[in-house]
Protein backbone atom coordinates (compact mmCIF):
# COMPACT_ATOMS: atom_id res chain seq x y z
CA MET A 1 -51.42 -27.66 26.77
CA THR A 2 -49.31 -24.70 25.90
CA SER A 3 -46.10 -23.80 27.72
CA LEU A 4 -45.70 -20.38 28.72
CA ALA A 5 -42.13 -20.76 29.83
CA PHE A 6 -40.55 -19.47 26.44
CA ALA A 7 -43.18 -16.71 25.86
CA VAL A 8 -41.71 -13.35 26.02
CA ALA A 9 -43.40 -9.89 25.66
CA PRO A 10 -42.77 -8.04 22.49
CA SER A 11 -41.08 -5.16 23.96
CA ARG A 12 -38.83 -7.38 25.93
CA THR A 13 -37.77 -9.46 22.89
CA ARG A 14 -36.84 -6.07 21.12
CA ALA A 15 -34.60 -4.98 24.02
CA ILE A 16 -32.96 -8.38 24.10
CA ALA A 17 -32.29 -8.13 20.48
CA ALA A 18 -30.82 -4.62 20.80
CA VAL A 19 -28.57 -5.74 23.49
CA LEU A 20 -27.46 -8.74 21.69
CA ALA A 21 -26.83 -6.69 18.48
CA LEU A 22 -24.74 -4.20 20.50
CA ALA A 23 -22.71 -6.83 22.05
CA MET A 24 -21.96 -8.34 18.58
CA LEU A 25 -21.05 -4.95 17.11
CA THR A 26 -18.62 -4.28 19.94
CA GLY A 27 -16.88 -7.33 19.05
CA CYS A 28 -16.17 -6.08 15.62
CA SER A 29 -13.46 -3.80 16.78
CA TYR A 30 -11.41 -6.82 17.47
CA LEU A 31 -11.57 -7.71 13.69
CA ARG A 32 -10.15 -4.36 12.60
CA ALA A 33 -6.61 -4.67 10.99
CA THR A 34 -3.67 -3.54 12.95
CA PRO A 35 -1.71 -0.61 11.41
CA GLN A 36 1.67 -1.43 9.87
CA ALA A 37 4.47 0.90 9.75
CA ARG A 38 6.51 1.09 6.71
CA GLY A 39 9.64 2.69 5.48
CA HIS A 40 12.17 5.15 7.22
CA LYS A 41 10.60 7.77 9.38
CA VAL A 42 12.85 10.70 9.86
CA ASP A 43 12.83 12.41 13.38
CA ASP A 44 12.17 16.18 12.88
CA ASP A 45 14.73 16.94 15.59
CA LEU A 46 17.48 15.27 13.64
CA VAL A 47 16.42 17.16 10.45
CA LYS A 48 16.85 20.38 12.37
CA GLU A 49 20.45 19.28 13.02
CA LEU A 50 21.13 19.42 9.34
CA VAL A 51 22.02 22.96 8.13
CA PRO A 52 21.53 23.65 4.16
CA GLY A 53 24.53 25.08 2.63
CA THR A 54 26.68 23.51 5.37
CA SER A 55 25.84 19.85 5.66
CA THR A 56 26.92 17.19 3.16
CA ARG A 57 25.61 14.00 1.94
CA ALA A 58 27.92 12.20 4.49
CA ASP A 59 26.38 14.21 7.32
CA VAL A 60 22.78 13.05 6.28
CA THR A 61 23.99 9.50 5.91
CA ALA A 62 25.77 9.49 9.18
CA LEU A 63 22.84 11.10 11.08
CA LEU A 64 19.72 9.35 9.19
CA GLY A 65 20.99 6.23 7.36
CA SER A 66 20.89 5.69 3.82
CA PRO A 67 17.85 6.85 1.90
CA THR A 68 14.92 4.86 0.98
CA ALA A 69 15.19 6.03 -2.56
CA LYS A 70 16.92 8.52 -4.82
CA ALA A 71 14.85 10.32 -7.40
CA THR A 72 14.64 8.41 -10.75
CA PHE A 73 16.47 11.01 -12.98
CA ASP A 74 18.13 13.03 -10.40
CA ASP A 75 20.95 11.42 -8.12
CA SER A 76 21.24 14.56 -6.11
CA THR A 77 17.63 14.25 -4.68
CA TRP A 78 17.47 11.88 -1.78
CA LEU A 79 13.77 10.51 -0.42
CA TYR A 80 13.10 9.16 3.11
CA LEU A 81 9.55 7.61 2.90
CA ALA A 82 7.61 6.41 5.80
CA SER A 83 3.79 5.36 5.97
CA VAL A 84 1.40 3.74 8.22
CA THR A 85 -1.05 1.51 6.31
CA ARG A 86 -4.06 -0.66 7.24
CA SER A 87 -5.57 -3.56 5.42
CA GLN A 88 -9.04 -3.00 4.08
CA ILE A 89 -11.72 -5.05 2.59
CA GLY A 90 -10.12 -7.41 0.06
CA ARG A 91 -6.61 -6.86 1.34
CA MET A 92 -6.21 -3.61 -0.25
CA PRO A 93 -3.92 -1.27 1.79
CA ALA A 94 -5.28 2.04 2.87
CA VAL A 95 -2.64 4.81 3.99
CA ASP A 96 -3.46 6.27 7.50
CA SER A 97 -0.60 8.61 7.42
CA GLN A 98 2.36 9.17 5.11
CA GLN A 99 5.60 11.24 5.46
CA VAL A 100 8.22 11.79 2.71
CA THR A 101 11.50 13.96 3.69
CA VAL A 102 13.22 15.23 0.49
CA PHE A 103 16.75 16.35 0.66
CA ARG A 104 18.17 18.05 -2.29
CA PHE A 105 22.07 18.38 -2.81
CA ASN A 106 24.13 20.39 -5.38
CA GLU A 107 26.74 18.85 -7.62
CA ALA A 108 29.40 19.11 -4.80
CA GLY A 109 27.33 17.21 -2.50
CA VAL A 110 26.25 20.13 -0.19
CA LEU A 111 22.64 20.02 1.21
CA GLN A 112 20.61 22.76 -0.58
CA GLU A 113 17.09 22.14 0.49
CA VAL A 114 15.17 20.03 3.00
CA ARG A 115 11.17 19.56 2.31
CA GLN A 116 8.77 17.45 4.25
CA LEU A 117 5.67 16.12 2.59
CA ASN A 118 2.65 14.46 3.97
CA LYS A 119 -0.44 12.66 2.77
CA ASP A 120 -2.09 15.93 1.63
CA ASP A 121 0.63 16.73 -0.59
CA SER A 122 0.33 13.37 -2.64
CA VAL A 123 -1.10 13.50 -6.24
CA PRO A 124 -3.47 10.82 -7.47
CA VAL A 125 -2.39 8.84 -10.29
CA ASP A 126 -4.95 7.49 -12.85
CA VAL A 127 -3.94 4.02 -13.96
CA VAL A 128 -4.47 3.22 -17.59
CA SER A 129 -6.60 0.24 -18.02
CA ARG A 130 -6.04 -0.73 -21.76
CA GLU A 131 -3.62 -3.20 -23.07
CA THR A 132 -0.59 -2.74 -25.32
CA PRO A 133 -1.26 -4.41 -28.54
CA THR A 134 1.24 -7.16 -29.51
CA PRO A 135 1.66 -7.62 -33.45
CA GLY A 136 1.36 -10.97 -34.58
CA SER A 137 -0.52 -12.62 -31.62
CA GLU A 138 -4.14 -12.00 -32.80
CA MET A 139 -5.76 -15.37 -33.93
CA THR A 140 -8.99 -16.50 -34.62
CA PHE A 141 -10.74 -19.34 -32.81
CA LEU A 142 -10.25 -21.48 -35.79
CA GLN A 143 -6.65 -20.69 -36.04
CA GLU A 144 -5.89 -21.49 -32.32
CA PHE A 145 -8.03 -24.82 -32.58
CA LEU A 146 -6.24 -26.11 -35.87
CA GLY A 147 -2.89 -24.89 -34.63
CA ASN A 148 -2.86 -27.62 -31.83
CA VAL A 149 -3.99 -30.43 -33.90
CA GLY A 150 -1.29 -32.90 -34.00
CA ARG A 151 0.94 -31.43 -31.48
CA LEU A 152 -0.18 -34.04 -28.71
CA ASN A 153 0.29 -37.43 -30.13
CA PRO A 154 -0.25 -40.14 -27.51
CA GLY A 155 0.75 -43.11 -29.48
CA ALA A 156 4.23 -41.58 -30.66
CA PRO A 157 7.23 -42.65 -28.70
CA ALA A 158 8.85 -40.30 -26.25
CA LYS A 159 12.06 -38.58 -27.58
């Protein structure tokens, strides 16, 4: 005696499978990482209040706060950095948007130039994968093995 209660037509099975797959895929949007704002985003209206040739470092600090960074070899260039990142597979951050506001001052501390850069202005940097050799640290397997003989003596009294 066979039970026909669980028998379903093949076309209906495909439709049910398609509906279930669609329902499962819509739930994947809940697993997407939330964006994280980082840095000090500068308001464009505040930047318009600063006048090159007139405004000073004190004016910029009073209006925007201290800079995120100063140029490595040039103390007269201030950087305000902001980005929105999102974690991807493997916890690697991906940059959704990026804003860099650059303020350049002269020797007297007067603002000379204001530039705003975004993600499109960034330059990719190739990371070198080689290692820096360290002289004297290259040992053969036999040297490493024999170098440890006698270091651990379980029968010796503790000092």
